[in-house]
Amino acid sequence: MMRTVKCASRRNYKRVNATWKEYIQITKPRIVMSNLVAAFGGFWVASRWNVDWGLLVAVLAGSALVMAASCTFNNYWDREFDARMDRTRGRALPSGRIPPTHALLYAIVLGIAGEAILFAIHPITGLLGLLGIFVYAVVYTMWLKRTSTWSTSVGGVSGSMPPVIGYAAVTGEIDLGAWLLFAILFLWQPPHFWALGIMRREEYLKAGFPLLPVVKGARRANIQMIPYLALLVAANVWFYASGYVGLVYLIVVGGMSAVWLLYCAAGLLLKDDRDRRWAKNMFKFSVHYLTLTFVVMVIGTLSTPV
């Protein structure tokens, strides 16, 4: 089957040209945008409303390019796996509309451009960008995603870089605030992705990805979500207690975290034939949770000292 896909792809390279929109799509713009919100939140917390707008633009531009590069590398390495899944086989790379060599070169150029900006801001932000690319493209995509149920947890390191980059661009250091921002994003990711994995178990099984819900089942994934969400509640309380955000953040985001934890625990009471609906609700909640967290994080700095 894989050989057939490759041959079909070669024929497509000769007769189908990708549009510029498809080159944008392989950078996963939705993921880039959501991570830019996180980078903005980290920058704003560190700035405390004393914002250097030029620096902010540079941080967002460099972060966007680095994240786009990482996502393009991900699509490049996953193209044959994507060809096995109904949801992804029509994308430009697995269908052959974008040649793999073009995508690889595109990812390299994006990564170099992004890193040039981040290193120009500060060596720490440049190194954080490199760490994000390496973990996502190499450790996660090329290795763990194909071999281990630990892929989601370890891959979460790269997804946690944007707010830390934004924060470090202002402070020039990795202090407690940076670590707490990292923790909030890191702890959010496994429940988010495992909920998606429960919803689309058959697709991931068909593609050959050993995601936790595929290998161990929905109930095991549910159980492993609980400690992440419990620690997420603690991280948000600590973030407030350390003075980085105000009471509004504690009430809203702390409350949302507690509700998410309780709903996750309630999933253990469901029968297997109802776990997909529960997982869908978990996934939707996680998406809204992330956006609201950083919106409230920005607003919450109003009540903290400059």
Protein backbone atom coordinates (compact mmCIF):
# COMPACT_ATOMS: atom_id res chain seq x y z
CA MET A 1 0.00 0.00 0.00
CA MET A 2 2.79 2.40 0.88
CA ARG A 3 4.48 1.74 -2.47
CA THR A 4 1.23 2.49 -4.31
CA VAL A 5 0.89 5.77 -2.49
CA LYS A 6 4.44 6.76 -3.40
CA CYS A 7 3.97 5.94 -7.07
CA ALA A 8 0.68 7.82 -7.18
CA SER A 9 2.38 10.76 -5.53
CA ARG A 10 5.11 10.86 -8.17
CA ARG A 11 2.52 10.97 -10.95
CA ASN A 12 0.73 13.77 -9.15
CA TYR A 13 3.91 15.83 -8.93
CA LYS A 14 3.96 16.05 -12.74
CA ARG A 15 0.36 16.98 -13.31
CA VAL A 16 -0.84 18.84 -10.21
CA ASN A 17 0.57 22.08 -8.85
CA ALA A 18 -0.10 23.03 -5.25
CA THR A 19 -1.61 26.42 -4.53
CA TRP A 20 -0.04 28.93 -2.18
CA LYS A 21 -2.90 28.19 0.24
CA GLU A 22 -1.77 24.56 0.43
CA TYR A 23 1.75 25.65 1.33
CA ILE A 24 0.21 27.67 4.15
CA GLN A 25 -1.91 24.68 5.20
CA ILE A 26 1.08 22.37 5.70
CA THR A 27 2.35 24.81 8.34
CA LYS A 28 -0.82 24.02 10.35
CA PRO A 29 -1.94 27.66 10.72
CA ARG A 30 -4.52 26.89 13.42
CA ILE A 31 -1.84 25.39 15.64
CA VAL A 32 0.46 28.32 14.88
CA MET A 33 -2.26 30.82 15.80
CA SER A 34 -3.14 29.11 19.07
CA ASN A 35 0.53 29.00 20.03
CA LEU A 36 0.94 32.68 19.14
CA VAL A 37 -1.79 33.44 21.68
CA ALA A 38 0.31 31.59 24.25
CA ALA A 39 3.48 33.46 23.23
CA PHE A 40 1.58 36.75 23.51
CA GLY A 41 0.33 35.77 26.97
CA GLY A 42 3.83 34.96 28.21
CA PHE A 43 5.18 38.22 26.80
CA TRP A 44 2.40 40.24 28.41
CA VAL A 45 2.82 38.67 31.83
CA ALA A 46 6.52 39.54 31.79
CA SER A 47 5.88 43.07 30.48
CA ARG A 48 3.11 43.87 32.99
CA TRP A 49 1.55 46.30 30.47
CA ASN A 50 4.84 48.14 29.97
CA VAL A 51 4.98 46.79 26.42
CA ASP A 52 7.79 47.17 23.91
CA TRP A 53 5.65 46.85 20.79
CA GLY A 54 8.56 46.39 18.40
CA LEU A 55 9.90 43.55 20.52
CA LEU A 56 6.43 42.00 20.68
CA VAL A 57 6.14 42.00 16.88
CA ALA A 58 9.58 40.41 16.57
CA VAL A 59 8.73 37.72 19.14
CA LEU A 60 5.48 36.84 17.40
CA ALA A 61 7.10 36.81 13.95
CA GLY A 62 10.02 34.63 15.03
CA SER A 63 7.77 32.30 17.01
CA ALA A 64 5.32 31.95 14.12
CA LEU A 65 8.08 31.04 11.68
CA VAL A 66 9.64 28.50 14.05
CA MET A 67 6.27 26.89 14.79
CA ALA A 68 5.41 26.83 11.07
CA ALA A 69 8.74 25.12 10.39
CA SER A 70 8.10 22.52 13.09
CA CYS A 71 4.63 21.75 11.76
CA THR A 72 5.93 21.48 8.19
CA PHE A 73 8.63 19.06 9.32
CA ASN A 74 5.86 17.11 11.06
CA ASN A 75 3.77 16.95 7.89
CA TYR A 76 6.84 15.94 5.87
CA TRP A 77 7.73 12.99 8.09
CA ASP A 78 4.10 11.90 8.55
CA ARG A 79 3.07 12.03 4.88
CA GLU A 80 2.92 8.26 4.35
CA PHE A 81 1.07 7.70 7.63
CA ASP A 82 -1.37 10.48 6.68
CA ALA A 83 -2.05 8.68 3.40
CA ARG A 84 -3.61 5.81 5.42
CA MET A 85 -6.11 7.99 7.28
CA ASP A 86 -9.39 9.14 5.74
CA ARG A 87 -9.14 12.48 7.53
CA THR A 88 -5.68 13.33 6.18
CA ARG A 89 -5.12 11.45 2.92
CA GLY A 90 -6.43 14.36 0.85
CA ARG A 91 -3.84 16.79 2.17
CA ALA A 92 -1.30 18.25 -0.21
CA LEU A 93 1.69 16.14 0.88
CA PRO A 94 0.16 12.63 1.11
CA SER A 95 -1.84 13.20 -2.08
CA GLY A 96 1.29 14.34 -3.92
CA ARG A 97 0.34 17.92 -4.77
CA ILE A 98 3.39 19.16 -2.84
CA PRO A 99 6.60 17.14 -3.46
CA PRO A 100 8.33 16.04 -0.25
CA THR A 101 11.59 17.75 -1.24
CA HIS A 102 9.74 21.06 -1.63
CA ALA A 103 8.14 20.67 1.79
CA LEU A 104 11.48 19.82 3.42
CA LEU A 105 13.19 22.84 1.87
CA TYR A 106 10.24 25.01 2.86
CA ALA A 107 10.51 23.84 6.49
CA ILE A 108 14.26 24.52 6.58
CA VAL A 109 13.85 28.05 5.20
CA LEU A 110 11.05 28.83 7.68
CA GLY A 111 13.13 27.48 10.56
CA ILE A 112 16.25 29.47 9.63
CA ALA A 113 14.23 32.68 9.25
CA GLY A 114 12.48 32.17 12.58
CA GLU A 115 15.65 31.30 14.45
CA ALA A 116 17.46 34.31 12.99
CA ILE A 117 14.79 36.55 14.53
CA LEU A 118 14.71 34.75 17.89
CA PHE A 119 18.51 34.75 18.26
CA ALA A 120 18.57 38.44 17.35
CA ILE A 121 16.16 39.06 20.26
CA HIS A 122 18.16 37.07 22.82
CA PRO A 123 20.26 33.87 22.85
CA ILE A 124 17.80 32.29 25.29
CA THR A 125 14.82 32.79 22.97
CA GLY A 126 16.83 31.39 20.07
CA LEU A 127 17.82 28.31 22.07
CA LEU A 128 14.23 27.79 23.22
CA GLY A 129 13.11 27.93 19.58
CA LEU A 130 15.73 25.35 18.60
CA LEU A 131 14.64 23.11 21.47
CA GLY A 132 11.03 23.35 20.32
CA ILE A 133 11.89 22.39 16.74
CA PHE A 134 14.15 19.52 17.82
CA VAL A 135 11.67 17.98 20.25
CA TYR A 136 8.70 18.30 17.87
CA ALA A 137 10.37 17.33 14.59
CA VAL A 138 12.91 14.76 15.79
CA VAL A 139 12.06 13.38 19.24
CA TYR A 140 8.28 13.44 18.81
CA THR A 141 7.59 13.06 15.08
CA MET A 142 10.50 10.91 13.91
CA TRP A 143 10.83 8.73 17.00
CA LEU A 144 8.23 8.55 19.79
CA LYS A 145 5.11 9.13 17.72
CA ARG A 146 5.92 5.91 15.86
CA THR A 147 7.14 3.82 18.76
CA SER A 148 5.80 4.80 22.18
CA THR A 149 2.73 5.86 24.14
CA TRP A 150 5.02 8.46 25.77
CA SER A 151 4.94 10.51 22.59
CA THR A 152 2.20 12.87 23.80
CA SER A 153 3.84 13.62 27.13
CA VAL A 154 7.37 14.13 25.79
CA GLY A 155 6.12 16.00 22.74
CA GLY A 156 4.42 18.40 25.12
CA VAL A 157 7.83 19.96 25.78
CA SER A 158 7.80 21.58 22.33
CA GLY A 159 4.21 22.75 22.70
CA SER A 160 5.15 24.48 25.95
CA MET A 161 7.85 26.68 24.41
CA PRO A 162 5.76 29.60 23.00
CA PRO A 163 4.79 31.30 26.30
CA VAL A 164 8.29 30.73 27.68
CA ILE A 165 9.80 32.35 24.57
CA GLY A 166 7.47 35.33 24.96
CA TYR A 167 8.31 35.64 28.64
CA ALA A 168 12.08 35.22 28.22
CA ALA A 169 12.17 37.81 25.42
CA VAL A 170 11.23 40.41 28.04
CA THR A 171 13.10 39.12 31.11
CA GLY A 172 16.14 37.63 29.41
CA GLU A 173 16.08 34.70 31.84
CA ILE A 174 14.29 31.50 32.79
CA ASP A 175 12.89 32.16 36.25
CA LEU A 176 9.91 30.83 38.22
CA GLY A 177 7.43 32.64 35.97
CA ALA A 178 8.85 30.94 32.90
CA TRP A 179 8.72 27.52 34.56
CA LEU A 180 5.10 28.01 35.63
CA LEU A 181 4.10 29.07 32.10
CA PHE A 182 5.86 25.96 30.81
CA ALA A 183 4.03 23.80 33.36
CA ILE A 184 0.59 25.17 32.47
CA LEU A 185 1.05 24.38 28.76
CA PHE A 186 2.79 21.06 29.40
CA LEU A 187 0.07 19.78 31.72
CA TRP A 188 -2.72 20.91 29.39
CA GLN A 189 -1.52 18.92 26.41
CA PRO A 190 -1.91 15.20 27.34
CA PRO A 191 -5.60 15.47 28.36
CA HIS A 192 -6.26 17.48 25.20
CA PHE A 193 -4.59 15.02 22.80
CA TRP A 194 -5.72 11.85 24.56
CA ALA A 195 -9.32 13.05 24.31
CA LEU A 196 -8.77 13.48 20.57
CA GLY A 197 -7.20 10.02 20.45
CA ILE A 198 -10.27 8.45 22.06
CA MET A 199 -12.52 10.19 19.54
CA ARG A 200 -10.45 8.96 16.57
CA ARG A 201 -9.11 5.68 17.87
CA GLU A 202 -9.73 3.72 14.65
CA GLU A 203 -7.97 6.31 12.50
CA TYR A 204 -4.83 6.29 14.63
CA LEU A 205 -4.90 2.49 14.79
CA LYS A 206 -5.16 2.29 11.00
CA ALA A 207 -2.29 4.73 10.56
CA GLY A 208 -0.10 2.77 12.98
CA PHE A 209 0.41 5.45 15.66
CA PRO A 210 0.73 3.92 19.17
CA LEU A 211 -1.26 6.64 20.92
CA LEU A 212 -2.16 5.80 24.52
CA PRO A 213 -5.95 5.37 23.92
CA VAL A 214 -5.15 3.09 20.97
CA VAL A 215 -2.67 0.87 22.82
CA LYS A 216 -4.10 0.90 26.36
CA GLY A 217 -7.73 1.88 25.77
CA ALA A 218 -9.94 4.83 26.65
CA ARG A 219 -10.23 4.02 30.36
CA ARG A 220 -6.45 3.91 30.85
CA ALA A 221 -6.12 7.24 29.04
CA ASN A 222 -8.85 8.67 31.26
CA ILE A 223 -7.03 7.54 34.40
CA GLN A 224 -3.74 9.06 33.22
CA MET A 225 -5.41 12.40 32.45
CA ILE A 226 -6.34 12.89 36.11
CA PRO A 227 -2.86 13.56 37.59
CA TYR A 228 -2.08 16.01 34.77
CA LEU A 229 -5.25 17.97 35.48
CA ALA A 230 -4.70 17.87 39.24
CA LEU A 231 -1.23 19.31 38.74
CA LEU A 232 -2.69 21.89 36.34
CA VAL A 233 -4.95 23.14 39.12
CA ALA A 234 -1.92 23.39 41.43
CA ALA A 235 0.19 25.18 38.79
CA ASN A 236 -2.48 27.84 38.27
CA VAL A 237 -2.82 28.41 42.01
CA TRP A 238 0.97 28.71 42.30
CA PHE A 239 1.02 31.16 39.38
CA TYR A 240 -1.39 33.39 41.29
CA ALA A 241 0.33 32.92 44.65
CA SER A 242 3.65 33.98 43.11
CA GLY A 243 2.17 37.31 42.07
CA TYR A 244 2.32 36.90 38.29
CA VAL A 245 -1.46 37.24 37.84
CA GLY A 246 -4.31 38.62 39.89
CA LEU A 247 -7.38 37.27 41.63
CA VAL A 248 -9.42 37.28 38.41
CA TYR A 249 -7.07 34.65 36.99
CA LEU A 250 -7.31 32.49 40.08
CA ILE A 251 -11.11 32.56 40.09
CA VAL A 252 -11.67 32.03 36.36
CA VAL A 253 -8.79 29.79 35.30
CA GLY A 254 -8.51 28.02 38.64
CA GLY A 255 -12.24 27.37 38.50
CA MET A 256 -12.08 26.09 34.93
CA SER A 257 -9.20 23.78 35.86
CA ALA A 258 -11.18 22.32 38.77
CA VAL A 259 -14.26 21.78 36.58
CA TRP A 260 -12.12 20.07 33.93
CA LEU A 261 -10.60 17.79 36.57
CA LEU A 262 -14.02 16.84 37.95
CA TYR A 263 -15.43 16.14 34.48
CA CYS A 264 -12.40 13.99 33.70
CA ALA A 265 -12.91 12.00 36.90
CA ALA A 266 -16.60 11.59 36.06
CA GLY A 267 -15.56 9.83 32.85
CA LEU A 268 -14.49 6.84 34.93
CA LEU A 269 -18.14 6.20 35.75
CA LEU A 270 -19.19 5.92 32.11
CA LYS A 271 -19.58 2.73 30.14
CA ASP A 272 -17.32 2.18 27.11
CA ASP A 273 -20.09 2.89 24.60
CA ARG A 274 -20.38 6.45 25.93
CA ASP A 275 -16.69 7.36 26.12
CA ARG A 276 -16.57 9.01 22.69
CA ARG A 277 -19.18 11.60 23.59
CA TRP A 278 -17.35 12.26 26.85
CA ALA A 279 -14.04 12.55 24.99
CA LYS A 280 -15.58 14.97 22.49
CA ASN A 281 -16.73 17.19 25.34
CA MET A 282 -13.29 16.91 26.99
CA PHE A 283 -11.62 17.94 23.74
CA LYS A 284 -13.92 20.91 23.15
CA PHE A 285 -13.44 22.07 26.73
CA SER A 286 -9.67 21.86 26.38
CA VAL A 287 -9.69 24.08 23.28
CA HIS A 288 -11.79 26.76 24.95
CA TYR A 289 -9.79 26.39 28.16
CA LEU A 290 -6.51 27.25 26.43
CA THR A 291 -7.86 30.36 24.74
CA LEU A 292 -9.60 31.65 27.87
CA THR A 293 -6.54 30.95 30.01
CA PHE A 294 -4.36 33.33 28.04
CA VAL A 295 -7.07 35.94 27.58
CA VAL A 296 -7.64 36.01 31.34
CA MET A 297 -3.88 35.88 31.93
CA VAL A 298 -3.49 39.14 30.02
CA ILE A 299 -6.47 40.76 31.70
CA GLY A 300 -5.33 39.43 35.08
CA THR A 301 -2.06 41.35 34.95
CA LEU A 302 -4.12 44.53 35.52
CA SER A 303 -4.48 43.60 39.16
CA THR A 304 -0.80 42.82 39.72
CA PRO A 305 1.90 45.38 40.50
CA VAL A 306 4.09 46.68 37.68
